[in-house]
Protein backbone atom coordinates (compact mmCIF):
# COMPACT_ATOMS: atom_id res chain seq x y z
CA MET A 1 0.00 0.00 0.00
CA ASP A 2 1.26 3.49 -0.91
CA TRP A 3 0.07 7.06 -0.54
CA LEU A 4 -0.76 9.48 -3.37
CA PRO A 5 -1.16 13.08 -2.13
CA ARG A 6 -4.28 14.79 -3.47
CA LYS A 7 -2.19 17.50 -5.16
CA GLN A 8 -0.48 14.75 -7.18
CA PHE A 9 -3.69 13.17 -8.45
CA GLU A 10 -3.25 14.93 -11.81
CA VAL A 11 -0.08 12.90 -12.29
CA LEU A 12 -2.19 9.74 -12.27
CA LEU A 13 -4.44 11.17 -14.97
CA SER A 14 -1.55 12.40 -17.12
CA SER A 15 0.26 9.06 -16.79
CA LEU A 16 -2.80 7.22 -18.06
CA ARG A 17 -3.10 9.62 -21.01
CA ALA A 18 0.60 9.18 -21.77
CA ARG A 19 -0.07 5.45 -22.07
CA GLY A 20 -2.69 6.15 -24.73
CA HIS A 21 -5.82 5.90 -22.61
CA ARG A 22 -8.82 8.09 -23.10
CA LEU A 23 -10.20 8.95 -19.65
CA VAL A 24 -13.75 8.92 -18.36
CA GLY A 25 -14.72 9.82 -14.81
CA PRO A 26 -17.72 10.83 -12.71
CA GLN A 27 -19.14 14.27 -13.40
CA VAL A 28 -22.47 16.03 -12.88
CA ARG A 29 -24.66 16.06 -15.98
CA ASP A 30 -28.38 16.88 -16.02
CA GLY A 31 -28.68 16.57 -12.27
CA ALA A 32 -26.94 13.22 -11.88
CA ILE A 33 -23.41 11.87 -11.51
CA VAL A 34 -22.46 10.02 -14.70
CA TYR A 35 -19.32 8.98 -16.53
CA ASP A 36 -18.06 11.48 -19.09
CA SER A 37 -14.75 12.38 -20.73
CA LEU A 38 -12.34 13.55 -18.06
CA GLU A 39 -9.53 16.02 -18.73
CA ARG A 40 -8.79 17.42 -15.27
CA ALA A 41 -9.35 16.49 -11.65
CA ASP A 42 -11.35 19.67 -11.03
CA GLN A 43 -14.10 18.21 -13.23
CA LEU A 44 -14.78 15.58 -10.57
CA PRO A 45 -17.84 16.17 -8.32
CA GLN A 46 -16.10 17.82 -5.38
CA GLY A 47 -18.23 18.99 -2.47
CA LEU A 48 -21.30 17.10 -3.62
CA ARG A 49 -23.28 14.14 -2.36
CA ASP A 50 -26.18 12.14 -3.71
CA ALA A 51 -29.40 11.79 -1.72
CA GLN A 52 -31.21 8.64 -2.82
CA SER A 53 -34.39 6.95 -1.70
CA PRO A 54 -36.99 4.76 -3.43
CA GLY A 55 -38.04 6.66 -6.56
CA SER A 56 -35.84 9.67 -5.78
CA TYR A 57 -32.34 10.92 -6.68
CA ARG A 58 -30.90 14.38 -6.24
CA ILE A 59 -27.49 16.01 -5.97
CA GLU A 60 -26.81 18.12 -2.89
CA SER A 61 -23.96 20.36 -1.76
CA SER A 62 -21.88 19.17 1.14
CA ASP A 63 -18.99 20.49 3.19
CA ASN A 64 -16.93 17.46 2.21
CA SER A 65 -13.99 18.40 -0.02
CA ARG A 66 -13.52 14.90 -1.43
CA TRP A 67 -14.20 13.96 -5.06
CA PHE A 68 -15.82 10.58 -4.47
CA ALA A 69 -18.02 11.22 -1.38
CA TRP A 70 -21.16 9.87 -3.03
CA ALA A 71 -22.58 6.43 -3.83
CA ASN A 72 -23.42 6.00 -7.51
CA GLY A 73 -25.34 7.43 -10.45
CA PRO A 74 -27.66 5.75 -12.94
CA GLN A 75 -24.76 4.34 -14.95
CA ALA A 76 -22.43 1.53 -14.12
CA LEU A 77 -19.77 0.01 -16.38
CA LYS A 78 -22.44 -1.72 -18.49
CA PRO A 79 -22.82 0.97 -21.20
CA LEU A 80 -19.05 0.91 -21.76
CA THR A 81 -18.94 -2.79 -22.65
CA PHE A 82 -22.50 -3.87 -23.48
CA VAL A 83 -23.51 -0.70 -25.33
CA PRO A 84 -27.22 0.24 -25.52
CA ARG A 85 -27.40 -0.04 -29.32
CA GLU A 86 -24.91 -1.17 -31.92
CA THR A 87 -24.69 -2.56 -35.43
CA LEU A 88 -23.32 -6.10 -35.29
CA TRP A 89 -22.86 -6.52 -39.02
CA ARG A 90 -23.84 -4.96 -42.32
CA ALA A 91 -24.80 -6.74 -45.59
CA ARG A 92 -24.36 -5.09 -48.97
CA ARG A 93 -25.53 -6.35 -52.39
CA ASP A 94 -23.34 -5.34 -55.32
CA ASP A 95 -24.39 -4.73 -58.94
CA GLN A 96 -24.02 -8.43 -59.74
CA GLY A 97 -26.34 -9.40 -56.90
CA THR A 98 -23.62 -10.86 -54.70
CA LEU A 99 -23.95 -10.24 -50.97
CA HIS A 100 -20.99 -8.93 -48.98
CA PHE A 101 -20.98 -9.03 -45.19
CA GLU A 102 -19.03 -6.33 -43.34
CA SER A 103 -18.08 -5.61 -39.77
CA PRO A 104 -18.84 -2.02 -38.67
CA GLY A 105 -15.57 -1.97 -36.70
CA LEU A 106 -14.95 -0.90 -33.12
CA ASP A 107 -13.23 1.97 -31.38
CA GLU A 108 -10.51 -0.06 -29.68
CA ALA A 109 -8.61 2.86 -28.12
CA PRO A 110 -7.67 2.07 -24.51
CA LEU A 111 -10.13 3.54 -22.03
CA ALA A 112 -9.40 4.29 -18.36
CA VAL A 113 -12.39 4.56 -16.05
CA ILE A 114 -11.87 6.57 -12.86
CA GLY A 115 -14.01 6.00 -9.78
CA VAL A 116 -15.40 2.50 -10.32
CA ARG A 117 -17.37 1.12 -7.37
CA ALA A 118 -17.08 -2.36 -5.88
CA CYS A 119 -20.66 -3.25 -6.83
CA ASP A 120 -19.97 -2.36 -10.46
CA LEU A 121 -16.83 -4.52 -10.55
CA ALA A 122 -18.95 -7.43 -9.30
CA ALA A 123 -21.51 -6.69 -12.01
CA LEU A 124 -18.80 -6.63 -14.66
CA ARG A 125 -17.64 -10.10 -13.57
CA LEU A 126 -21.19 -11.39 -14.05
CA GLN A 127 -21.42 -9.83 -17.50
CA GLU A 128 -18.07 -11.40 -18.37
CA GLN A 129 -19.52 -14.78 -17.41
CA HIS A 130 -22.46 -14.19 -19.73
CA PHE A 131 -20.71 -12.65 -22.74
CA MET A 132 -17.20 -14.13 -22.59
CA ALA A 133 -17.46 -17.60 -21.03
CA GLY A 134 -17.85 -20.68 -23.19
CA GLU A 135 -16.37 -21.58 -26.55
CA VAL A 136 -17.45 -18.43 -28.39
CA ALA A 137 -17.19 -15.02 -26.73
CA ALA A 138 -19.25 -12.04 -27.87
CA PRO A 139 -16.51 -10.27 -29.86
CA ASN A 140 -17.70 -6.69 -29.35
CA PHE A 141 -18.11 -7.11 -25.60
CA ALA A 142 -14.74 -8.86 -25.32
CA ALA A 143 -12.96 -6.13 -27.30
CA ARG A 144 -14.46 -3.37 -25.19
CA ARG A 145 -13.68 -5.19 -21.95
CA GLN A 146 -10.07 -5.85 -22.89
CA ARG A 147 -9.39 -2.19 -23.57
CA LEU A 148 -10.48 -1.08 -20.07
CA PHE A 149 -8.14 0.10 -17.33
CA LEU A 150 -10.20 0.28 -14.15
CA VAL A 151 -9.41 2.64 -11.26
CA ALA A 152 -11.67 1.66 -8.37
CA VAL A 153 -12.48 3.92 -5.44
CA HIS A 154 -13.74 2.17 -2.32
CA CYS A 155 -17.20 3.44 -1.36
CA THR A 156 -17.43 5.27 1.97
CA HIS A 157 -20.70 7.14 1.38
CA PRO A 158 -23.37 4.58 0.46
CA ALA A 159 -26.84 5.82 -0.37
CA ASP A 160 -29.93 4.88 1.61
CA THR A 161 -30.85 2.53 -1.22
CA CYS A 162 -27.52 0.61 -1.18
CA PHE A 163 -27.25 -2.93 0.18
CA CYS A 164 -23.97 -4.22 -1.29
CA ALA A 165 -22.79 -5.37 2.14
CA SER A 166 -25.60 -7.94 2.27
CA THR A 167 -24.77 -9.34 -1.18
CA GLY A 168 -21.05 -9.50 -0.39
CA ASP A 169 -20.10 -7.14 -3.24
CA GLY A 170 -18.99 -4.00 -1.38
CA PRO A 171 -18.36 -1.40 -0.17
CA HIS A 172 -14.66 -2.41 -0.38
CA ALA A 173 -13.48 -3.41 -3.87
CA GLU A 174 -11.83 -6.82 -3.50
CA ALA A 175 -10.94 -7.75 -7.10
CA GLY A 176 -11.33 -6.85 -10.74
CA TYR A 177 -9.52 -3.50 -10.70
CA ASP A 178 -6.17 -2.36 -12.06
CA LEU A 179 -5.78 0.24 -9.32
CA ALA A 180 -7.80 0.71 -6.15
CA LEU A 181 -7.93 3.99 -4.25
CA HIS A 182 -9.21 4.83 -0.81
CA GLU A 183 -9.89 8.54 -0.67
CA LEU A 184 -9.08 10.44 2.52
CA ASP A 185 -9.09 14.20 2.99
CA ASP A 186 -5.47 14.81 1.98
CA GLY A 187 -4.91 12.04 -0.55
CA PHE A 188 -5.36 8.42 -1.47
CA LEU A 189 -4.24 5.04 -0.27
CA VAL A 190 -3.42 3.25 -3.50
CA GLU A 191 -2.74 -0.37 -4.43
CA ALA A 192 -2.44 -2.30 -7.69
CA GLY A 193 -4.57 -5.29 -8.68
CA THR A 194 -2.87 -6.20 -11.98
CA GLU A 195 0.53 -6.06 -13.63
CA ALA A 196 -0.65 -3.03 -15.63
CA GLY A 197 -1.60 -1.32 -12.39
CA THR A 198 1.76 -2.15 -10.80
CA ALA A 199 3.58 -0.71 -13.82
CA LEU A 200 1.59 2.50 -13.57
CA LEU A 201 2.31 2.87 -9.85
CA GLU A 202 6.03 2.98 -10.64
CA GLU A 203 5.44 6.23 -12.54
CA LEU A 204 3.59 8.00 -9.74
CA PRO A 205 5.09 10.25 -7.01
CA LEU A 206 4.04 7.91 -4.23
CA GLN A 207 4.91 8.40 -0.56
CA PRO A 208 4.81 6.23 2.55
CA VAL A 209 1.35 5.89 4.06
CA PRO A 210 0.89 8.60 6.76
CA ASP A 211 0.43 7.46 10.34
CA GLY A 212 -3.18 6.52 11.05
CA ALA A 213 -4.31 6.67 7.40
CA GLN A 214 -4.87 2.92 7.03
CA GLU A 215 -6.78 2.76 10.31
CA LYS A 216 -8.95 5.69 9.22
CA ALA A 217 -9.65 4.01 5.87
CA ASP A 218 -10.62 0.71 7.52
CA GLU A 219 -12.92 2.54 9.93
CA GLU A 220 -14.68 4.34 7.07
CA ILE A 221 -15.29 1.08 5.18
CA ASP A 222 -16.68 -0.58 8.30
CA GLN A 223 -18.97 2.39 8.89
CA ALA A 224 -20.14 2.35 5.26
CA ALA A 225 -21.15 -1.31 5.61
CA ARG A 226 -22.84 -0.81 8.98
CA SER A 227 -24.83 2.18 7.75
CA GLN A 228 -26.68 0.17 5.09
CA GLN A 229 -30.22 -0.45 6.30
CA ARG A 230 -31.50 -2.55 3.42
CA GLY A 231 -30.42 -6.08 2.61
CA LEU A 232 -31.09 -9.35 0.87
CA PRO A 233 -30.76 -12.74 2.55
CA SER A 234 -27.31 -14.16 1.98
CA HIS A 235 -28.57 -17.59 0.97
CA ASP A 236 -29.86 -18.82 -2.39
CA LEU A 237 -33.42 -17.53 -2.84
CA ARG A 238 -34.28 -19.97 -5.60
CA GLY A 239 -36.50 -22.14 -3.38
CA LEU A 240 -38.36 -19.19 -1.89
CA LEU A 241 -39.07 -17.53 -5.25
CA PHE A 242 -39.91 -20.56 -7.36
CA GLY A 243 -41.90 -22.03 -4.48
CA ASN A 244 -44.21 -19.01 -4.40
CA LEU A 245 -45.05 -18.37 -8.04
CA GLU A 246 -48.74 -17.89 -7.20
CA HIS A 247 -48.18 -15.76 -4.10
CA PRO A 248 -50.56 -12.72 -3.95
CA ARG A 249 -47.55 -10.41 -3.53
CA TRP A 250 -46.91 -10.62 -7.29
CA GLU A 251 -50.36 -9.14 -7.94
CA ALA A 252 -49.77 -6.42 -5.34
CA VAL A 253 -46.49 -5.30 -6.87
CA ALA A 254 -48.00 -5.43 -10.36
CA GLU A 255 -50.60 -2.85 -9.28
CA ARG A 256 -47.74 -0.38 -8.65
CA CYS A 257 -45.26 -1.39 -11.36
CA LEU A 258 -45.44 0.66 -14.59
CA SER A 259 -43.53 -1.94 -16.67
CA CYS A 260 -41.35 0.97 -17.82
CA GLY A 261 -38.13 -1.06 -17.72
CA ASN A 262 -36.14 1.57 -15.77
CA CYS A 263 -34.96 -1.10 -13.33
CA THR A 264 -33.48 -3.25 -16.08
CA ALA A 265 -31.89 -0.26 -17.84
CA VAL A 266 -30.00 0.92 -14.75
CA CYS A 267 -29.23 -2.59 -13.47
CA PRO A 268 -25.50 -3.21 -14.02
CA THR A 269 -26.01 -6.95 -14.62
CA CYS A 270 -29.13 -7.13 -16.83
CA PHE A 271 -28.18 -8.26 -20.31
CA CYS A 272 -31.49 -8.81 -22.18
CA HIS A 273 -31.41 -7.49 -25.71
CA ALA A 274 -33.24 -7.74 -29.03
CA GLU A 275 -31.84 -7.99 -32.54
CA SER A 276 -33.43 -6.58 -35.68
CA ASP A 277 -32.59 -5.89 -39.32
CA HIS A 278 -32.81 -2.42 -40.86
CA PRO A 279 -32.70 -2.36 -44.69
CA THR A 280 -32.31 0.83 -46.71
CA LEU A 281 -35.17 1.97 -48.95
CA ALA A 282 -33.11 0.97 -51.98
CA GLY A 283 -32.84 -2.53 -50.59
CA ASP A 284 -29.11 -2.87 -51.32
CA VAL A 285 -27.84 -2.53 -47.75
CA THR A 286 -29.12 -3.84 -44.44
CA GLU A 287 -27.79 -3.52 -40.92
CA HIS A 288 -28.23 -6.09 -38.17
CA VAL A 289 -28.70 -4.15 -34.92
CA ARG A 290 -28.61 -5.25 -31.30
CA ALA A 291 -30.29 -3.01 -28.69
CA TRP A 292 -31.02 -3.34 -24.99
CA ASP A 293 -34.40 -4.88 -24.29
CA SER A 294 -36.30 -5.51 -21.07
CA CYS A 295 -38.24 -8.45 -19.71
CA PHE A 296 -40.91 -5.89 -18.80
CA THR A 297 -41.95 -5.47 -22.45
CA ALA A 298 -44.52 -7.63 -24.23
CA GLY A 299 -42.21 -8.15 -27.18
CA HIS A 300 -39.49 -9.72 -25.04
CA SER A 301 -41.64 -12.79 -24.36
CA TYR A 302 -43.20 -12.98 -27.82
CA LEU A 303 -42.66 -16.52 -29.06
CA ALA A 304 -44.19 -18.48 -31.94
CA GLY A 305 -47.14 -16.15 -32.36
CA PHE A 306 -48.11 -15.36 -28.78
CA VAL A 307 -46.84 -13.47 -25.73
CA LEU A 308 -45.72 -15.72 -22.87
CA ARG A 309 -45.92 -13.03 -20.18
CA GLU A 310 -48.93 -10.96 -21.08
CA ASP A 311 -49.23 -8.91 -17.88
CA THR A 312 -47.05 -7.00 -15.42
CA ARG A 313 -47.48 -9.61 -12.69
CA LYS A 314 -45.76 -12.23 -14.78
CA ARG A 315 -43.08 -9.82 -16.02
CA TYR A 316 -42.06 -8.61 -12.55
CA ARG A 317 -42.13 -12.22 -11.33
CA GLN A 318 -39.91 -13.26 -14.23
CA TRP A 319 -37.41 -10.48 -13.48
CA LEU A 320 -37.13 -11.22 -9.77
CA THR A 321 -37.14 -15.02 -9.98
CA HIS A 322 -34.50 -14.96 -12.71
CA LYS A 323 -32.35 -12.28 -11.07
CA LEU A 324 -32.33 -13.77 -7.58
CA GLY A 325 -33.05 -17.43 -8.31
CA GLY A 326 -32.30 -18.62 -11.83
CA TRP A 327 -28.91 -16.91 -11.96
CA HIS A 328 -27.65 -19.35 -9.31
CA ASP A 329 -28.09 -22.15 -11.88
CA GLN A 330 -26.57 -20.13 -14.72
CA TYR A 331 -23.75 -18.22 -13.02
CA GLY A 332 -23.38 -19.71 -9.53
CA ARG A 333 -24.67 -16.67 -7.68
CA SER A 334 -27.45 -14.11 -7.51
CA GLY A 335 -27.69 -11.51 -10.28
CA CYS A 336 -27.99 -8.68 -7.74
CA VAL A 337 -24.88 -6.81 -6.54
CA GLY A 338 -26.71 -4.50 -4.12
CA CYS A 339 -26.12 -1.18 -5.92
CA GLY A 340 -29.74 -0.13 -5.27
CA ARG A 341 -30.16 1.56 -8.65
CA CYS A 342 -33.41 -0.32 -9.41
CA VAL A 343 -34.85 1.05 -6.16
CA THR A 344 -33.76 4.65 -6.74
CA TRP A 345 -34.69 4.90 -10.41
CA CYS A 346 -38.06 3.14 -10.20
CA PRO A 347 -40.62 5.92 -10.82
CA VAL A 348 -42.91 4.51 -8.13
CA GLY A 349 -40.17 3.43 -5.71
CA ILE A 350 -40.60 -0.35 -5.79
CA ASP A 351 -37.92 -1.88 -3.56
CA LEU A 352 -36.92 -5.44 -4.40
CA THR A 353 -35.61 -6.00 -0.87
CA GLU A 354 -39.12 -5.26 0.44
CA GLU A 355 -40.65 -7.63 -2.09
CA VAL A 356 -38.34 -10.45 -1.02
CA ALA A 357 -39.01 -9.72 2.65
CA ALA A 358 -42.76 -9.89 2.03
CA LEU A 359 -42.43 -13.27 0.33
CA GLN A 360 -40.27 -14.52 3.21
CA GLU A 361 -42.74 -13.34 5.79
CA ASP A 362 -45.71 -15.36 4.67
CA GLY A 363 -44.49 -17.47 1.75
CA HIS A 364 -43.11 -20.98 1.91
CA ASP A 365 -39.60 -22.12 1.05
């Protein structure tokens, strides 16, 4: 463990740029903290905090001078690897009628992401399992993942909607980063997680860790975990969820749910998508497009001429049983990393931890 003084943080950014990385980092845009191109440290959200509750998100001023004293925004790493909409391939017919298939190409420039949270690293590992495991990896996802250099910042200011401590995914980043930072008032505890991170550390003006800094950092992480009031049971919920498919709670939540799909859009692990073809009017070119989809739409369960999940009750049930139950069979763990985004960004404030608690209270396992 080493110490990077706050006044030397720009050296970290310039070193990454010197290695050819484009930088993105958290900044305030349209009333939320999101990733955007980062040129200087003073673009980071200093003196701000996020106040989150079910169905509510707002940025507030604070007397804290740190740059990362907030929980998360609506984005995670997902849009940087599994992009919302992209052309997978293009077909072109020449004058002789022969078809030619083309790749649209990718921007493969190295990308450094500053300020990644532990929950989002856990989500990225799940998406890697989905898109990169097996004999054939999704080439676009794999290319975008391999170009990332991830600078994690341990979370010390969780929102009221966070519950990563209960899922075992935070607030301390344990793996999956190139560099990990713990922000204190005067600087950062810094450690490397990969060979690339170790090589970068050798270029930084690091100093010995000041007396008491490590103890202060450990105390802040412990407090961040203890402060989380929400939670999911630590055990596999497959039996509870699949054993209560006709529980009246599904009807109750369906009366509030708008089927808008916000929860799946902000979820860092959801990977549902749809593919479609878009020909030109001339009919000589067509593009095959993949775009994010949601299990809350009727079209997502359209199969062989009919819709499998024709109402919101079945769609919410599908989302929760798959996320917290079926993923254990597919990926060996729950699909929830406790970031709380689905709670915050639900227009009517539906809280999946409350839904699980209600099923536990009077359901059967």
